[in-house]
Amino acid sequence: MSIWLRIGEFVQRLSSSASSGVAEVVEAVRTMFAGDPELRRKVAFSVAMIALSAKMAKADGIVTQDEVRAFQAIFDVPREEARNVARLYDLAKRDIAGFEAYAEQMAGLCGNGAQNCMMLEDVLDGLFYIATVDGVLHEREGQFLHRIAEIFEIEEDHYQTILGRHVELGDADPYVVLGIERGKSLAEVKKHYRKLVSDNHPDRLIARGLPQEFIKIATTRLAAINAAYEIIERSLQAA
């Protein structure tokens, strides 16, 4: 069954509560899908992407057409389910609760705690994709994403690696993207690169709970890793 059909069922069950907000949404995910951890991860990821992207748009103050198109590129939603997704998005925009409380609840859905929870990195990567689709990471968006990373317990060095996949960081960019220090031999860089490719292959992301509909995030991440390695490889071969 498509993840969007499950999201539709999820929204319908919430529709009876006029006071539902972000906190109620997350708690509903926790309880309604408690018996199916894999499905819970997929629904949680989808809800997080929808709600946090809405919160980010609100923090930025404007929603550009590029951001709307980026949202649509990630969310390949069947026409019959678009209304349910829109309801969740609007709910998050209207909710007076801060995004920090919601992000903390999302982190709590990771069974062993937020630290090293790959689903949360996937969420952050998707938010970066939406924020930078116009070629610019605006200051408020950057502050929003950095705070999300802190709540998700993503270490600063790793946050810079994620940032480097989406924002030009200058000469250090390819090394930051690969998360490797300068001075390594080509053989060492290649070994590290191959592990990254294996760990970030779209099939791996799907296996850990990334819904098929969000494969755009995985392919974008892998493209950034490949491009960074090619830059480093050329520079070391020319040395």
C-alpha atoms as a PDB file:
ATOM      1  CA  MET A   1       0.000   0.000   0.000  1.00  0.00           C
ATOM      2  CA  SER A   2       1.307   3.470  -0.880  1.00  0.00           C
ATOM      3  CA  ILE A   3       2.603   5.521   2.017  1.00  0.00           C
ATOM      4  CA  TRP A   4       0.197   8.242   0.915  1.00  0.00           C
ATOM      5  CA  LEU A   5      -2.790   5.989   1.450  1.00  0.00           C
ATOM      6  CA  ARG A   6      -1.588   5.415   4.988  1.00  0.00           C
ATOM      7  CA  ILE A   7      -1.092   9.151   5.452  1.00  0.00           C
ATOM      8  CA  GLY A   8      -4.657   9.609   4.198  1.00  0.00           C
ATOM      9  CA  GLU A   9      -5.963   7.157   6.779  1.00  0.00           C
ATOM     10  CA  PHE A  10      -3.896   8.940   9.398  1.00  0.00           C
ATOM     11  CA  VAL A  11      -5.365  12.353   8.531  1.00  0.00           C
ATOM     12  CA  GLN A  12      -8.900  10.998   8.501  1.00  0.00           C
ATOM     13  CA  ARG A  13      -8.506   9.683  12.038  1.00  0.00           C
ATOM     14  CA  LEU A  14      -7.313  13.099  13.174  1.00  0.00           C
ATOM     15  CA  SER A  15     -10.095  14.972  11.422  1.00  0.00           C
ATOM     16  CA  SER A  16     -12.515  14.441  14.295  1.00  0.00           C
ATOM     17  CA  SER A  17     -10.339  16.579  16.567  1.00  0.00           C
ATOM     18  CA  ALA A  18     -10.672  20.253  15.743  1.00  0.00           C
ATOM     19  CA  SER A  19      -7.877  21.108  18.192  1.00  0.00           C
ATOM     20  CA  SER A  20      -5.277  18.796  16.682  1.00  0.00           C
ATOM     21  CA  GLY A  21      -1.856  20.364  16.440  1.00  0.00           C
ATOM     22  CA  VAL A  22       1.691  19.271  15.842  1.00  0.00           C
ATOM     23  CA  ALA A  23       2.006  17.516  19.198  1.00  0.00           C
ATOM     24  CA  GLU A  24      -1.168  15.515  18.551  1.00  0.00           C
ATOM     25  CA  VAL A  25       0.083  14.559  15.102  1.00  0.00           C
ATOM     26  CA  VAL A  26       3.324  13.101  16.437  1.00  0.00           C
ATOM     27  CA  GLU A  27       1.599  11.295  19.275  1.00  0.00           C
ATOM     28  CA  ALA A  28      -0.859   9.820  16.804  1.00  0.00           C
ATOM     29  CA  VAL A  29       2.035   8.473  14.733  1.00  0.00           C
ATOM     30  CA  ARG A  30       3.540   6.939  17.853  1.00  0.00           C
ATOM     31  CA  THR A  31       0.363   5.186  18.969  1.00  0.00           C
ATOM     32  CA  MET A  32      -1.430   4.338  15.715  1.00  0.00           C
ATOM     33  CA  PHE A  33       1.553   2.550  14.179  1.00  0.00           C
ATOM     34  CA  ALA A  34       3.191   1.202  17.324  1.00  0.00           C
ATOM     35  CA  GLY A  35       2.694  -2.388  16.187  1.00  0.00           C
ATOM     36  CA  ASP A  36       4.544  -1.875  12.899  1.00  0.00           C
ATOM     37  CA  PRO A  37       7.939  -0.182  13.479  1.00  0.00           C
ATOM     38  CA  GLU A  38       8.845  -0.087   9.779  1.00  0.00           C
ATOM     39  CA  LEU A  39       5.575   1.571   8.812  1.00  0.00           C
ATOM     40  CA  ARG A  40       5.902   3.941  11.755  1.00  0.00           C
ATOM     41  CA  ARG A  41       9.325   5.067  10.505  1.00  0.00           C
ATOM     42  CA  LYS A  42       7.949   5.709   7.023  1.00  0.00           C
ATOM     43  CA  VAL A  43       4.930   7.624   8.260  1.00  0.00           C
ATOM     44  CA  ALA A  44       7.045   9.532  10.799  1.00  0.00           C
ATOM     45  CA  PHE A  45       9.522  10.534   8.101  1.00  0.00           C
ATOM     46  CA  SER A  46       6.759  11.692   5.785  1.00  0.00           C
ATOM     47  CA  VAL A  47       4.973  13.659   8.487  1.00  0.00           C
ATOM     48  CA  ALA A  48       8.261  15.228   9.627  1.00  0.00           C
ATOM     49  CA  MET A  49       9.116  16.351   6.107  1.00  0.00           C
ATOM     50  CA  ILE A  50       5.673  17.859   5.563  1.00  0.00           C
ATOM     51  CA  ALA A  51       5.387  19.601   8.928  1.00  0.00           C
ATOM     52  CA  LEU A  52       8.976  20.820   9.297  1.00  0.00           C
ATOM     53  CA  SER A  53       9.068  22.159   5.740  1.00  0.00           C
ATOM     54  CA  ALA A  54       5.913  24.109   6.586  1.00  0.00           C
ATOM     55  CA  LYS A  55       7.548  25.419   9.756  1.00  0.00           C
ATOM     56  CA  MET A  56      10.664  26.369   7.785  1.00  0.00           C
ATOM     57  CA  ALA A  57       8.579  28.287   5.253  1.00  0.00           C
ATOM     58  CA  LYS A  58       6.920  30.133   8.111  1.00  0.00           C
ATOM     59  CA  ALA A  59      10.295  30.924   9.720  1.00  0.00           C
ATOM     60  CA  ASP A  60      11.603  32.285   6.428  1.00  0.00           C
ATOM     61  CA  GLY A  61       8.535  34.469   6.081  1.00  0.00           C
ATOM     62  CA  ILE A  62       7.898  33.715   2.410  1.00  0.00           C
ATOM     63  CA  VAL A  63       7.226  30.680   0.270  1.00  0.00           C
ATOM     64  CA  THR A  64       8.798  31.059  -3.175  1.00  0.00           C
ATOM     65  CA  GLN A  65       7.610  29.193  -6.246  1.00  0.00           C
ATOM     66  CA  ASP A  66      10.990  27.429  -6.345  1.00  0.00           C
ATOM     67  CA  GLU A  67      10.395  26.116  -2.832  1.00  0.00           C
ATOM     68  CA  VAL A  68       6.930  24.951  -3.817  1.00  0.00           C
ATOM     69  CA  ARG A  69       8.378  23.120  -6.832  1.00  0.00           C
ATOM     70  CA  ALA A  70      11.095  21.570  -4.656  1.00  0.00           C
ATOM     71  CA  PHE A  71       8.458  20.417  -2.204  1.00  0.00           C
ATOM     72  CA  GLN A  72       6.519  18.842  -5.055  1.00  0.00           C
ATOM     73  CA  ALA A  73       9.688  17.219  -6.439  1.00  0.00           C
ATOM     74  CA  ILE A  74      10.239  15.385  -3.156  1.00  0.00           C
ATOM     75  CA  PHE A  75       6.588  14.751  -2.423  1.00  0.00           C
ATOM     76  CA  ASP A  76       5.372  12.781  -5.415  1.00  0.00           C
ATOM     77  CA  VAL A  77       1.814  12.759  -4.148  1.00  0.00           C
ATOM     78  CA  PRO A  78      -1.061  11.122  -6.058  1.00  0.00           C
ATOM     79  CA  ARG A  79      -3.739  13.658  -6.942  1.00  0.00           C
ATOM     80  CA  GLU A  80      -6.335  11.892  -4.821  1.00  0.00           C
ATOM     81  CA  GLU A  81      -4.125  12.226  -1.707  1.00  0.00           C
ATOM     82  CA  ALA A  82      -2.949  15.820  -2.283  1.00  0.00           C
ATOM     83  CA  ARG A  83      -5.694  17.237  -0.062  1.00  0.00           C
ATOM     84  CA  ASN A  84      -4.545  15.188   2.937  1.00  0.00           C
ATOM     85  CA  VAL A  85      -0.942  16.316   2.507  1.00  0.00           C
ATOM     86  CA  ALA A  86      -2.102  19.924   2.191  1.00  0.00           C
ATOM     87  CA  ARG A  87      -4.096  19.578   5.415  1.00  0.00           C
ATOM     88  CA  LEU A  88      -1.030  18.410   7.323  1.00  0.00           C
ATOM     89  CA  TYR A  89       1.075  21.201   5.803  1.00  0.00           C
ATOM     90  CA  ASP A  90      -1.497  23.865   6.709  1.00  0.00           C
ATOM     91  CA  LEU A  91      -1.906  22.418  10.188  1.00  0.00           C
ATOM     92  CA  ALA A  92       1.824  22.792  10.842  1.00  0.00           C
ATOM     93  CA  LYS A  93       1.858  26.362   9.488  1.00  0.00           C
ATOM     94  CA  ARG A  94      -1.065  27.411  11.682  1.00  0.00           C
ATOM     95  CA  ASP A  95       0.044  25.612  14.833  1.00  0.00           C
ATOM     96  CA  ILE A  96       1.261  28.087  17.447  1.00  0.00           C
ATOM     97  CA  ALA A  97       3.613  25.493  18.941  1.00  0.00           C
ATOM     98  CA  GLY A  98       7.262  26.108  18.112  1.00  0.00           C
ATOM     99  CA  PHE A  99       9.163  23.919  15.677  1.00  0.00           C
ATOM    100  CA  GLU A 100      11.644  22.975  18.430  1.00  0.00           C
ATOM    101  CA  ALA A 101       9.055  21.099  20.465  1.00  0.00           C
ATOM    102  CA  TYR A 102       7.954  19.247  17.352  1.00  0.00           C
ATOM    103  CA  ALA A 103      11.531  18.387  16.338  1.00  0.00           C
ATOM    104  CA  GLU A 104      12.156  17.013  19.830  1.00  0.00           C
ATOM    105  CA  GLN A 105       9.102  14.793  19.511  1.00  0.00           C
ATOM    106  CA  MET A 106      10.270  13.556  16.115  1.00  0.00           C
ATOM    107  CA  ALA A 107      13.686  12.750  17.575  1.00  0.00           C
ATOM    108  CA  GLY A 108      11.894  10.744  20.249  1.00  0.00           C
ATOM    109  CA  LEU A 109      10.426   8.457  17.586  1.00  0.00           C
ATOM    110  CA  CYS A 110      13.909   7.017  16.982  1.00  0.00           C
ATOM    111  CA  GLY A 111      13.933   3.854  19.050  1.00  0.00           C
ATOM    112  CA  ASN A 112      17.450   4.172  20.455  1.00  0.00           C
ATOM    113  CA  GLY A 113      17.434   7.937  20.848  1.00  0.00           C
ATOM    114  CA  ALA A 114      18.183  10.742  18.427  1.00  0.00           C
ATOM    115  CA  GLN A 115      21.964  10.368  18.269  1.00  0.00           C
ATOM    116  CA  ASN A 116      23.061   8.649  15.054  1.00  0.00           C
ATOM    117  CA  CYS A 117      19.473   8.156  13.946  1.00  0.00           C
ATOM    118  CA  MET A 118      19.781   8.106  10.172  1.00  0.00           C
ATOM    119  CA  MET A 119      16.112   8.881   9.617  1.00  0.00           C
ATOM    120  CA  LEU A 120      16.692  12.287  11.192  1.00  0.00           C
ATOM    121  CA  GLU A 121      19.623  12.969   8.870  1.00  0.00           C
ATOM    122  CA  ASP A 122      17.352  12.079   5.949  1.00  0.00           C
ATOM    123  CA  VAL A 123      14.797  14.612   7.204  1.00  0.00           C
ATOM    124  CA  LEU A 124      17.473  17.303   7.509  1.00  0.00           C
ATOM    125  CA  ASP A 125      18.787  16.526   4.020  1.00  0.00           C
ATOM    126  CA  GLY A 126      15.299  16.903   2.585  1.00  0.00           C
ATOM    127  CA  LEU A 127      14.811  20.237   4.332  1.00  0.00           C
ATOM    128  CA  PHE A 128      18.128  21.482   2.932  1.00  0.00           C
ATOM    129  CA  TYR A 129      17.039  20.393  -0.542  1.00  0.00           C
ATOM    130  CA  ILE A 130      13.870  22.464  -0.275  1.00  0.00           C
ATOM    131  CA  ALA A 131      15.622  25.469   1.293  1.00  0.00           C
ATOM    132  CA  THR A 132      18.395  25.717  -1.314  1.00  0.00           C
ATOM    133  CA  VAL A 133      16.486  24.920  -4.494  1.00  0.00           C
ATOM    134  CA  ASP A 134      16.570  28.635  -5.376  1.00  0.00           C
ATOM    135  CA  GLY A 135      20.376  28.585  -5.092  1.00  0.00           C
ATOM    136  CA  VAL A 136      20.490  30.480  -1.797  1.00  0.00           C
ATOM    137  CA  LEU A 137      20.332  29.445   1.854  1.00  0.00           C
ATOM    138  CA  HIS A 138      18.728  32.421   3.540  1.00  0.00           C
ATOM    139  CA  GLU A 139      19.861  33.411   7.010  1.00  0.00           C
ATOM    140  CA  ARG A 140      16.657  32.435   8.783  1.00  0.00           C
ATOM    141  CA  GLU A 141      16.575  29.114   6.950  1.00  0.00           C
ATOM    142  CA  GLY A 142      20.166  28.459   7.999  1.00  0.00           C
ATOM    143  CA  GLN A 143      19.365  29.239  11.620  1.00  0.00           C
ATOM    144  CA  PHE A 144      16.294  26.994  11.460  1.00  0.00           C
ATOM    145  CA  LEU A 145      18.228  24.059   9.978  1.00  0.00           C
ATOM    146  CA  HIS A 146      21.143  24.403  12.384  1.00  0.00           C
ATOM    147  CA  ARG A 147      18.769  24.346  15.344  1.00  0.00           C
ATOM    148  CA  ILE A 148      17.007  21.288  13.925  1.00  0.00           C
ATOM    149  CA  ALA A 149      20.396  19.553  13.676  1.00  0.00           C
ATOM    150  CA  GLU A 150      21.131  20.378  17.322  1.00  0.00           C
ATOM    151  CA  ILE A 151      17.813  18.929  18.435  1.00  0.00           C
ATOM    152  CA  PHE A 152      18.435  15.846  16.293  1.00  0.00           C
ATOM    153  CA  GLU A 153      21.823  15.473  18.056  1.00  0.00           C
ATOM    154  CA  ILE A 154      23.735  15.687  14.786  1.00  0.00           C
ATOM    155  CA  GLU A 155      27.318  16.643  15.645  1.00  0.00           C
ATOM    156  CA  GLU A 156      28.662  19.904  14.236  1.00  0.00           C
ATOM    157  CA  ASP A 157      31.250  18.264  11.979  1.00  0.00           C
ATOM    158  CA  HIS A 158      28.594  16.051  10.452  1.00  0.00           C
ATOM    159  CA  TYR A 159      26.229  18.991  10.118  1.00  0.00           C
ATOM    160  CA  GLN A 160      28.906  20.742   8.062  1.00  0.00           C
ATOM    161  CA  THR A 161      29.099  17.657   5.837  1.00  0.00           C
ATOM    162  CA  ILE A 162      25.341  17.806   5.230  1.00  0.00           C
ATOM    163  CA  LEU A 163      25.568  21.565   4.660  1.00  0.00           C
ATOM    164  CA  GLY A 164      28.354  21.006   2.142  1.00  0.00           C
ATOM    165  CA  ARG A 165      26.092  18.793   0.041  1.00  0.00           C
ATOM    166  CA  HIS A 166      23.826  21.767  -0.556  1.00  0.00           C
ATOM    167  CA  VAL A 167      25.852  24.983  -0.102  1.00  0.00           C
ATOM    168  CA  GLU A 168      29.189  25.950  -1.675  1.00  0.00           C
ATOM    169  CA  LEU A 169      31.790  26.068   1.089  1.00  0.00           C
ATOM    170  CA  GLY A 170      34.808  27.186  -0.932  1.00  0.00           C
ATOM    171  CA  ASP A 171      38.044  25.269  -1.357  1.00  0.00           C
ATOM    172  CA  ALA A 172      37.266  22.867   1.500  1.00  0.00           C
ATOM    173  CA  ASP A 173      33.932  21.928  -0.023  1.00  0.00           C
ATOM    174  CA  PRO A 174      34.725  18.463  -1.508  1.00  0.00           C
ATOM    175  CA  TYR A 175      36.564  17.326   1.625  1.00  0.00           C
ATOM    176  CA  VAL A 176      33.771  18.540   3.880  1.00  0.00           C
ATOM    177  CA  VAL A 177      31.163  16.777   1.736  1.00  0.00           C
ATOM    178  CA  LEU A 178      33.037  13.485   2.057  1.00  0.00           C
ATOM    179  CA  GLY A 179      33.769  14.092   5.729  1.00  0.00           C
ATOM    180  CA  ILE A 180      37.482  13.410   5.271  1.00  0.00           C
ATOM    181  CA  GLU A 181      40.596  15.383   6.174  1.00  0.00           C
ATOM    182  CA  ARG A 182      43.002  16.811   3.662  1.00  0.00           C
ATOM    183  CA  GLY A 183      46.333  15.027   3.297  1.00  0.00           C
ATOM    184  CA  LYS A 184      44.880  11.558   2.759  1.00  0.00           C
ATOM    185  CA  SER A 185      46.215   9.465  -0.101  1.00  0.00           C
ATOM    186  CA  LEU A 186      44.049   8.766  -3.131  1.00  0.00           C
ATOM    187  CA  ALA A 187      43.733   5.142  -1.997  1.00  0.00           C
ATOM    188  CA  GLU A 188      42.457   6.269   1.414  1.00  0.00           C
ATOM    189  CA  VAL A 189      40.036   8.752  -0.138  1.00  0.00           C
ATOM    190  CA  LYS A 190      38.759   6.111  -2.551  1.00  0.00           C
ATOM    191  CA  LYS A 191      38.174   3.609   0.278  1.00  0.00           C
ATOM    192  CA  HIS A 192      36.241   6.215   2.264  1.00  0.00           C
ATOM    193  CA  TYR A 193      34.282   7.261  -0.811  1.00  0.00           C
ATOM    194  CA  ARG A 194      33.238   3.688  -1.623  1.00  0.00           C
ATOM    195  CA  LYS A 195      31.926   3.229   1.902  1.00  0.00           C
ATOM    196  CA  LEU A 196      29.919   6.447   1.602  1.00  0.00           C
ATOM    197  CA  VAL A 197      28.442   5.295  -1.705  1.00  0.00           C
ATOM    198  CA  SER A 198      27.485   1.962  -0.162  1.00  0.00           C
ATOM    199  CA  ASP A 199      25.995   3.553   2.976  1.00  0.00           C
ATOM    200  CA  ASN A 200      24.035   6.147   0.983  1.00  0.00           C
ATOM    201  CA  HIS A 201      22.796   4.045  -1.893  1.00  0.00           C
ATOM    202  CA  PRO A 202      19.055   4.599  -2.403  1.00  0.00           C
ATOM    203  CA  ASP A 203      18.353   0.931  -1.636  1.00  0.00           C
ATOM    204  CA  ARG A 204      19.998   1.350   1.782  1.00  0.00           C
ATOM    205  CA  LEU A 205      17.893   4.399   2.555  1.00  0.00           C
ATOM    206  CA  ILE A 206      14.706   2.602   1.594  1.00  0.00           C
ATOM    207  CA  ALA A 207      15.737  -0.366   3.739  1.00  0.00           C
ATOM    208  CA  ARG A 208      16.045   1.833   6.817  1.00  0.00           C
ATOM    209  CA  GLY A 209      12.643   3.459   6.354  1.00  0.00           C
ATOM    210  CA  LEU A 210      12.906   6.146   3.686  1.00  0.00           C
ATOM    211  CA  PRO A 211       9.693   5.827   1.654  1.00  0.00           C
ATOM    212  CA  GLN A 212      10.073   5.076  -2.048  1.00  0.00           C
ATOM    213  CA  GLU A 213       8.336   8.356  -2.818  1.00  0.00           C
ATOM    214  CA  PHE A 214      11.267  10.294  -1.306  1.00  0.00           C
ATOM    215  CA  ILE A 215      14.024   8.708  -3.349  1.00  0.00           C
ATOM    216  CA  LYS A 216      14.895  12.154  -4.721  1.00  0.00           C
ATOM    217  CA  ILE A 217      16.685  12.878  -1.448  1.00  0.00           C
ATOM    218  CA  ALA A 218      18.841   9.780  -1.793  1.00  0.00           C
ATOM    219  CA  THR A 219      19.816  10.433  -5.400  1.00  0.00           C
ATOM    220  CA  THR A 220      20.670  14.080  -4.672  1.00  0.00           C
ATOM    221  CA  ARG A 221      22.887  13.056  -1.744  1.00  0.00           C
ATOM    222  CA  LEU A 222      24.699  10.458  -3.823  1.00  0.00           C
ATOM    223  CA  ALA A 223      25.254  12.952  -6.654  1.00  0.00           C
ATOM    224  CA  ALA A 224      26.923  15.372  -4.224  1.00  0.00           C
ATOM    225  CA  ILE A 225      29.189  12.613  -2.894  1.00  0.00           C
ATOM    226  CA  ASN A 226      30.172  11.556  -6.428  1.00  0.00           C
ATOM    227  CA  ALA A 227      30.914  15.133  -7.488  1.00  0.00           C
ATOM    228  CA  ALA A 228      33.075  15.780  -4.413  1.00  0.00           C
ATOM    229  CA  TYR A 229      35.083  12.624  -4.979  1.00  0.00           C
ATOM    230  CA  GLU A 230      35.694  13.474  -8.633  1.00  0.00           C
ATOM    231  CA  ILE A 231      37.101  16.893  -7.640  1.00  0.00           C
ATOM    232  CA  ILE A 232      39.445  15.359  -5.065  1.00  0.00           C
ATOM    233  CA  GLU A 233      40.496  12.559  -7.423  1.00  0.00           C
ATOM    234  CA  ARG A 234      41.433  15.017 -10.181  1.00  0.00           C
ATOM    235  CA  SER A 235      43.398  17.229  -7.794  1.00  0.00           C
ATOM    236  CA  LEU A 236      45.380  14.305  -6.321  1.00  0.00           C
ATOM    237  CA  GLN A 237      46.132  12.783  -9.710  1.00  0.00           C
ATOM    238  CA  ALA A 238      47.393  16.131 -10.945  1.00  0.00           C
ATOM    239  CA  ALA A 239      49.628  16.648  -7.907  1.00  0.00           C
END
